Amino acid sequence: MSYSFHSSIASPYLKAITKLDDKAQDSICNDLLTLVPLIQDDQISKAIHHPAMDQMRLAKCLFTLCKISDQSQRLILSLAHYRRLNIIPVVAEDLKKQRLKQKGMAHANIVSAYPLSTTVLKKIHHKLESNFNLKFESTVQVDESLLGGVVIQYDNNRMDASIKSSLKKMHQSLCSQGGNL
């Protein structure tokens, strides 16, 4: 199912979380982000989606793997009761975005052909901050297939300044003009 479908299911849970104080919201956000890799593990994901799996029991197993707050446990048990443990990654991501936005911040995913120096990363953050009027934090990944440059993803904004993308556009342009490459 699509992210937007799961996001709409996650909406009432997010609304309930936002009624809590900031400290509790941050705690739940951190706890959910801790659980995401577990939820996305192939075996646990299969168990979550198996119709015969007791999700309450599975939730309690998750609690033994990760130490999380009582409020987070109540949220997880509520999700398990309605067989919605699969939306934990969506709730975590949406809550993280919401918490950052409330603090005047945002998160960008940056993919670079090479590891970025601190200076270059600061320049990218500065450019993003001046364009969006938000303070940015980021996750940086290296993908050598880009050949050079970076791809930056923030919310629904994607900025592709990679050599791979430029070459692809050039190839399409030449082919559309009757070239045969």
C-alpha atoms as a PDB file:
ATOM      1  CA  MET A   1       0.000   0.000   0.000  1.00  0.00           C
ATOM      2  CA  SER A   2       1.119   3.549  -0.658  1.00  0.00           C
ATOM      3  CA  TYR A   3       2.734   5.938   1.773  1.00  0.00           C
ATOM      4  CA  SER A   4      -0.203   8.359   1.487  1.00  0.00           C
ATOM      5  CA  PHE A   5      -2.670   5.572   2.364  1.00  0.00           C
ATOM      6  CA  HIS A   6      -0.658   4.650   5.457  1.00  0.00           C
ATOM      7  CA  SER A   7      -0.182   8.330   6.264  1.00  0.00           C
ATOM      8  CA  SER A   8      -3.954   8.847   6.344  1.00  0.00           C
ATOM      9  CA  ILE A   9      -4.294   5.871   8.701  1.00  0.00           C
ATOM     10  CA  ALA A  10      -1.502   7.340  10.854  1.00  0.00           C
ATOM     11  CA  SER A  11      -3.200  10.741  11.065  1.00  0.00           C
ATOM     12  CA  PRO A  12      -5.414  10.075  14.144  1.00  0.00           C
ATOM     13  CA  TYR A  13      -2.442   8.641  16.027  1.00  0.00           C
ATOM     14  CA  LEU A  14      -0.357  11.720  15.200  1.00  0.00           C
ATOM     15  CA  LYS A  15      -3.190  13.973  16.306  1.00  0.00           C
ATOM     16  CA  ALA A  16      -3.340  12.194  19.663  1.00  0.00           C
ATOM     17  CA  ILE A  17       0.438  12.417  20.113  1.00  0.00           C
ATOM     18  CA  THR A  18       0.454  16.164  19.412  1.00  0.00           C
ATOM     19  CA  LYS A  19      -1.886  16.708  22.371  1.00  0.00           C
ATOM     20  CA  LEU A  20       0.956  15.608  24.663  1.00  0.00           C
ATOM     21  CA  ASP A  21       3.665  17.934  25.969  1.00  0.00           C
ATOM     22  CA  ASP A  22       6.830  18.514  23.921  1.00  0.00           C
ATOM     23  CA  LYS A  23       8.977  16.209  26.051  1.00  0.00           C
ATOM     24  CA  ALA A  24       6.532  13.311  25.617  1.00  0.00           C
ATOM     25  CA  GLN A  25       6.258  13.943  21.877  1.00  0.00           C
ATOM     26  CA  ASP A  26      10.045  13.912  21.506  1.00  0.00           C
ATOM     27  CA  SER A  27      10.279  10.735  23.584  1.00  0.00           C
ATOM     28  CA  ILE A  28       7.655   8.934  21.484  1.00  0.00           C
ATOM     29  CA  CYS A  29       9.288  10.146  18.279  1.00  0.00           C
ATOM     30  CA  ASN A  30      12.686   8.800  19.369  1.00  0.00           C
ATOM     31  CA  ASP A  31      11.150   5.508  20.500  1.00  0.00           C
ATOM     32  CA  LEU A  32       9.321   5.010  17.198  1.00  0.00           C
ATOM     33  CA  LEU A  33      12.443   5.849  15.194  1.00  0.00           C
ATOM     34  CA  THR A  34      14.292   3.219  17.263  1.00  0.00           C
ATOM     35  CA  LEU A  35      11.647   0.633  16.329  1.00  0.00           C
ATOM     36  CA  VAL A  36      11.637   1.374  12.575  1.00  0.00           C
ATOM     37  CA  PRO A  37      14.642  -0.843  11.656  1.00  0.00           C
ATOM     38  CA  LEU A  38      13.071  -3.723  13.602  1.00  0.00           C
ATOM     39  CA  ILE A  39       9.676  -3.256  11.923  1.00  0.00           C
ATOM     40  CA  GLN A  40      11.362  -3.177   8.518  1.00  0.00           C
ATOM     41  CA  ASP A  41      13.343  -6.372   9.179  1.00  0.00           C
ATOM     42  CA  ASP A  42      12.149  -9.027   6.692  1.00  0.00           C
ATOM     43  CA  GLN A  43      11.176 -11.621   9.294  1.00  0.00           C
ATOM     44  CA  ILE A  44       9.408  -9.173  11.595  1.00  0.00           C
ATOM     45  CA  SER A  45       7.652  -7.551   8.640  1.00  0.00           C
ATOM     46  CA  LYS A  46       6.388 -10.960   7.505  1.00  0.00           C
ATOM     47  CA  ALA A  47       5.157 -11.667  11.036  1.00  0.00           C
ATOM     48  CA  ILE A  48       3.363  -8.305  11.199  1.00  0.00           C
ATOM     49  CA  HIS A  49       1.588  -8.975   7.912  1.00  0.00           C
ATOM     50  CA  HIS A  50       0.725 -12.605   8.695  1.00  0.00           C
ATOM     51  CA  PRO A  51      -3.028 -12.798   9.387  1.00  0.00           C
ATOM     52  CA  ALA A  52      -2.643 -15.372  12.165  1.00  0.00           C
ATOM     53  CA  MET A  53       0.020 -13.423  14.070  1.00  0.00           C
ATOM     54  CA  ASP A  54      -1.040 -12.112  17.464  1.00  0.00           C
ATOM     55  CA  GLN A  55       0.100  -8.503  17.119  1.00  0.00           C
ATOM     56  CA  MET A  56      -0.294  -7.795  20.837  1.00  0.00           C
ATOM     57  CA  ARG A  57       2.203 -10.564  21.548  1.00  0.00           C
ATOM     58  CA  LEU A  58       4.496  -9.265  18.810  1.00  0.00           C
ATOM     59  CA  ALA A  59       4.320  -5.753  20.302  1.00  0.00           C
ATOM     60  CA  LYS A  60       5.367  -7.115  23.688  1.00  0.00           C
ATOM     61  CA  CYS A  61       8.298  -8.891  22.005  1.00  0.00           C
ATOM     62  CA  LEU A  62       9.349  -5.554  20.511  1.00  0.00           C
ATOM     63  CA  PHE A  63       9.379  -4.079  24.010  1.00  0.00           C
ATOM     64  CA  THR A  64      11.908  -6.717  25.087  1.00  0.00           C
ATOM     65  CA  LEU A  65      14.159  -5.784  22.158  1.00  0.00           C
ATOM     66  CA  CYS A  66      13.999  -2.002  22.677  1.00  0.00           C
ATOM     67  CA  LYS A  67      13.602  -0.026  25.862  1.00  0.00           C
ATOM     68  CA  ILE A  68      10.854   2.480  25.186  1.00  0.00           C
ATOM     69  CA  SER A  69       8.723   4.721  27.377  1.00  0.00           C
ATOM     70  CA  ASP A  70       5.385   3.710  28.881  1.00  0.00           C
ATOM     71  CA  GLN A  71       3.564   6.214  26.648  1.00  0.00           C
ATOM     72  CA  SER A  72       5.220   4.719  23.575  1.00  0.00           C
ATOM     73  CA  GLN A  73       4.292   1.240  24.749  1.00  0.00           C
ATOM     74  CA  ARG A  74       0.642   2.303  25.080  1.00  0.00           C
ATOM     75  CA  LEU A  75       0.735   3.700  21.536  1.00  0.00           C
ATOM     76  CA  ILE A  76       2.308   0.489  20.190  1.00  0.00           C
ATOM     77  CA  LEU A  77      -0.273  -1.639  22.008  1.00  0.00           C
ATOM     78  CA  SER A  78      -3.054   0.491  20.527  1.00  0.00           C
ATOM     79  CA  LEU A  79      -1.568   0.018  17.053  1.00  0.00           C
ATOM     80  CA  ALA A  80      -1.266  -3.726  17.706  1.00  0.00           C
ATOM     81  CA  HIS A  81      -4.872  -3.934  18.902  1.00  0.00           C
ATOM     82  CA  TYR A  82      -6.027  -2.596  15.517  1.00  0.00           C
ATOM     83  CA  ARG A  83      -3.422  -4.664  13.589  1.00  0.00           C
ATOM     84  CA  ARG A  84      -1.537  -1.554  12.514  1.00  0.00           C
ATOM     85  CA  LEU A  85       2.023  -2.225  13.626  1.00  0.00           C
ATOM     86  CA  ASN A  86       2.960  -1.904   9.950  1.00  0.00           C
ATOM     87  CA  ILE A  87       2.364   1.879  10.067  1.00  0.00           C
ATOM     88  CA  ILE A  88       4.993   2.518  12.756  1.00  0.00           C
ATOM     89  CA  PRO A  89       7.546   3.730  10.152  1.00  0.00           C
ATOM     90  CA  VAL A  90       4.988   6.175   8.720  1.00  0.00           C
ATOM     91  CA  VAL A  91       3.971   7.471  12.156  1.00  0.00           C
ATOM     92  CA  ALA A  92       7.659   7.833  13.077  1.00  0.00           C
ATOM     93  CA  GLU A  93       8.555   9.718   9.891  1.00  0.00           C
ATOM     94  CA  ASP A  94       5.508  11.989   9.982  1.00  0.00           C
ATOM     95  CA  LEU A  95       6.026  12.726  13.681  1.00  0.00           C
ATOM     96  CA  LYS A  96       9.703  13.504  13.102  1.00  0.00           C
ATOM     97  CA  LYS A  97       8.814  15.936  10.293  1.00  0.00           C
ATOM     98  CA  GLN A  98       6.155  17.547  12.464  1.00  0.00           C
ATOM     99  CA  ARG A  99       8.501  17.918  15.457  1.00  0.00           C
ATOM    100  CA  LEU A 100      11.243  19.429  13.290  1.00  0.00           C
ATOM    101  CA  LYS A 101       8.775  21.830  11.657  1.00  0.00           C
ATOM    102  CA  GLN A 102       7.556  22.991  15.089  1.00  0.00           C
ATOM    103  CA  LYS A 103      11.178  23.803  15.903  1.00  0.00           C
ATOM    104  CA  GLY A 104      11.673  25.685  12.601  1.00  0.00           C
ATOM    105  CA  MET A 105      13.755  22.838  11.230  1.00  0.00           C
ATOM    106  CA  ALA A 106      13.631  20.281   8.445  1.00  0.00           C
ATOM    107  CA  HIS A 107      15.437  17.136   7.358  1.00  0.00           C
ATOM    108  CA  ALA A 108      17.023  16.647   3.949  1.00  0.00           C
ATOM    109  CA  ASN A 109      18.353  13.451   2.431  1.00  0.00           C
ATOM    110  CA  ILE A 110      21.511  14.150   0.476  1.00  0.00           C
ATOM    111  CA  VAL A 111      23.026  11.617  -1.893  1.00  0.00           C
ATOM    112  CA  SER A 112      26.496  12.413  -3.177  1.00  0.00           C
ATOM    113  CA  ALA A 113      28.862  10.684  -5.551  1.00  0.00           C
ATOM    114  CA  TYR A 114      31.621  11.132  -2.972  1.00  0.00           C
ATOM    115  CA  PRO A 115      31.812  11.743   0.783  1.00  0.00           C
ATOM    116  CA  LEU A 116      31.068  15.401   1.513  1.00  0.00           C
ATOM    117  CA  SER A 117      33.411  17.575   3.539  1.00  0.00           C
ATOM    118  CA  THR A 118      32.022  19.521   6.470  1.00  0.00           C
ATOM    119  CA  THR A 119      32.545  22.740   4.503  1.00  0.00           C
ATOM    120  CA  VAL A 120      30.543  21.524   1.496  1.00  0.00           C
ATOM    121  CA  LEU A 121      27.784  20.178   3.745  1.00  0.00           C
ATOM    122  CA  LYS A 122      27.570  23.550   5.526  1.00  0.00           C
ATOM    123  CA  LYS A 123      27.258  25.300   2.136  1.00  0.00           C
ATOM    124  CA  ILE A 124      24.436  22.944   1.114  1.00  0.00           C
ATOM    125  CA  HIS A 125      22.655  23.550   4.436  1.00  0.00           C
ATOM    126  CA  HIS A 126      23.086  27.311   4.038  1.00  0.00           C
ATOM    127  CA  LYS A 127      21.599  27.208   0.523  1.00  0.00           C
ATOM    128  CA  LEU A 128      18.649  25.086   1.714  1.00  0.00           C
ATOM    129  CA  GLU A 129      18.085  27.343   4.717  1.00  0.00           C
ATOM    130  CA  SER A 130      18.023  30.478   2.568  1.00  0.00           C
ATOM    131  CA  ASN A 131      15.610  28.867   0.066  1.00  0.00           C
ATOM    132  CA  PHE A 132      13.156  27.407   2.594  1.00  0.00           C
ATOM    133  CA  ASN A 133      13.598  29.638   5.672  1.00  0.00           C
ATOM    134  CA  LEU A 134      14.202  26.594   7.861  1.00  0.00           C
ATOM    135  CA  LYS A 135      17.228  25.237   9.699  1.00  0.00           C
ATOM    136  CA  PHE A 136      18.301  21.924   8.150  1.00  0.00           C
ATOM    137  CA  GLU A 137      19.706  18.678   9.428  1.00  0.00           C
ATOM    138  CA  SER A 138      20.580  15.995   6.927  1.00  0.00           C
ATOM    139  CA  THR A 139      21.419  12.408   6.230  1.00  0.00           C
ATOM    140  CA  VAL A 140      24.192  11.917   3.700  1.00  0.00           C
ATOM    141  CA  GLN A 141      24.605   8.799   1.601  1.00  0.00           C
ATOM    142  CA  VAL A 142      27.272   8.036  -0.991  1.00  0.00           C
ATOM    143  CA  ASP A 143      26.224   6.647  -4.373  1.00  0.00           C
ATOM    144  CA  GLU A 144      29.143   6.451  -6.780  1.00  0.00           C
ATOM    145  CA  SER A 145      26.761   5.803  -9.699  1.00  0.00           C
ATOM    146  CA  LEU A 146      25.933   9.547  -9.655  1.00  0.00           C
ATOM    147  CA  LEU A 147      29.464  10.091 -11.093  1.00  0.00           C
ATOM    148  CA  GLY A 148      29.587  13.543  -9.466  1.00  0.00           C
ATOM    149  CA  GLY A 149      27.330  16.133  -7.866  1.00  0.00           C
ATOM    150  CA  VAL A 150      24.470  15.615  -5.428  1.00  0.00           C
ATOM    151  CA  VAL A 151      20.777  14.794  -5.221  1.00  0.00           C
ATOM    152  CA  ILE A 152      18.891  16.507  -2.398  1.00  0.00           C
ATOM    153  CA  GLN A 153      15.445  15.398  -1.250  1.00  0.00           C
ATOM    154  CA  TYR A 154      13.416  17.516   1.149  1.00  0.00           C
ATOM    155  CA  ASP A 155       9.702  16.813   1.570  1.00  0.00           C
ATOM    156  CA  ASN A 156       8.308  16.786  -1.978  1.00  0.00           C
ATOM    157  CA  ASN A 157      11.255  18.797  -3.326  1.00  0.00           C
ATOM    158  CA  ARG A 158      13.955  17.009  -5.264  1.00  0.00           C
ATOM    159  CA  MET A 159      17.022  18.826  -6.533  1.00  0.00           C
ATOM    160  CA  ASP A 160      19.185  16.725  -8.827  1.00  0.00           C
ATOM    161  CA  ALA A 161      22.568  18.248  -9.604  1.00  0.00           C
ATOM    162  CA  SER A 162      24.283  14.958 -10.431  1.00  0.00           C
ATOM    163  CA  ILE A 163      26.424  14.286 -13.476  1.00  0.00           C
ATOM    164  CA  LYS A 164      24.434  11.092 -14.079  1.00  0.00           C
ATOM    165  CA  SER A 165      21.208  13.097 -14.390  1.00  0.00           C
ATOM    166  CA  SER A 166      22.849  15.722 -16.625  1.00  0.00           C
ATOM    167  CA  LEU A 167      24.186  13.024 -18.949  1.00  0.00           C
ATOM    168  CA  LYS A 168      20.773  11.344 -19.074  1.00  0.00           C
ATOM    169  CA  LYS A 169      19.076  14.651 -19.998  1.00  0.00           C
ATOM    170  CA  MET A 170      21.708  15.309 -22.654  1.00  0.00           C
ATOM    171  CA  HIS A 171      21.191  11.812 -24.073  1.00  0.00           C
ATOM    172  CA  GLN A 172      17.398  12.293 -24.189  1.00  0.00           C
ATOM    173  CA  SER A 173      17.795  15.672 -25.863  1.00  0.00           C
ATOM    174  CA  LEU A 174      20.129  14.311 -28.530  1.00  0.00           C
ATOM    175  CA  CYS A 175      17.873  11.304 -29.165  1.00  0.00           C
ATOM    176  CA  SER A 176      14.752  13.498 -29.439  1.00  0.00           C
ATOM    177  CA  GLN A 177      16.500  15.590 -32.110  1.00  0.00           C
ATOM    178  CA  GLY A 178      16.852  12.564 -34.336  1.00  0.00           C
ATOM    179  CA  GLY A 179      20.146  11.313 -33.042  1.00  0.00           C
ATOM    180  CA  ASN A 180      20.574   7.612 -32.634  1.00  0.00           C
ATOM    181  CA  LEU A 181      22.758   6.862 -29.604  1.00  0.00           C
END
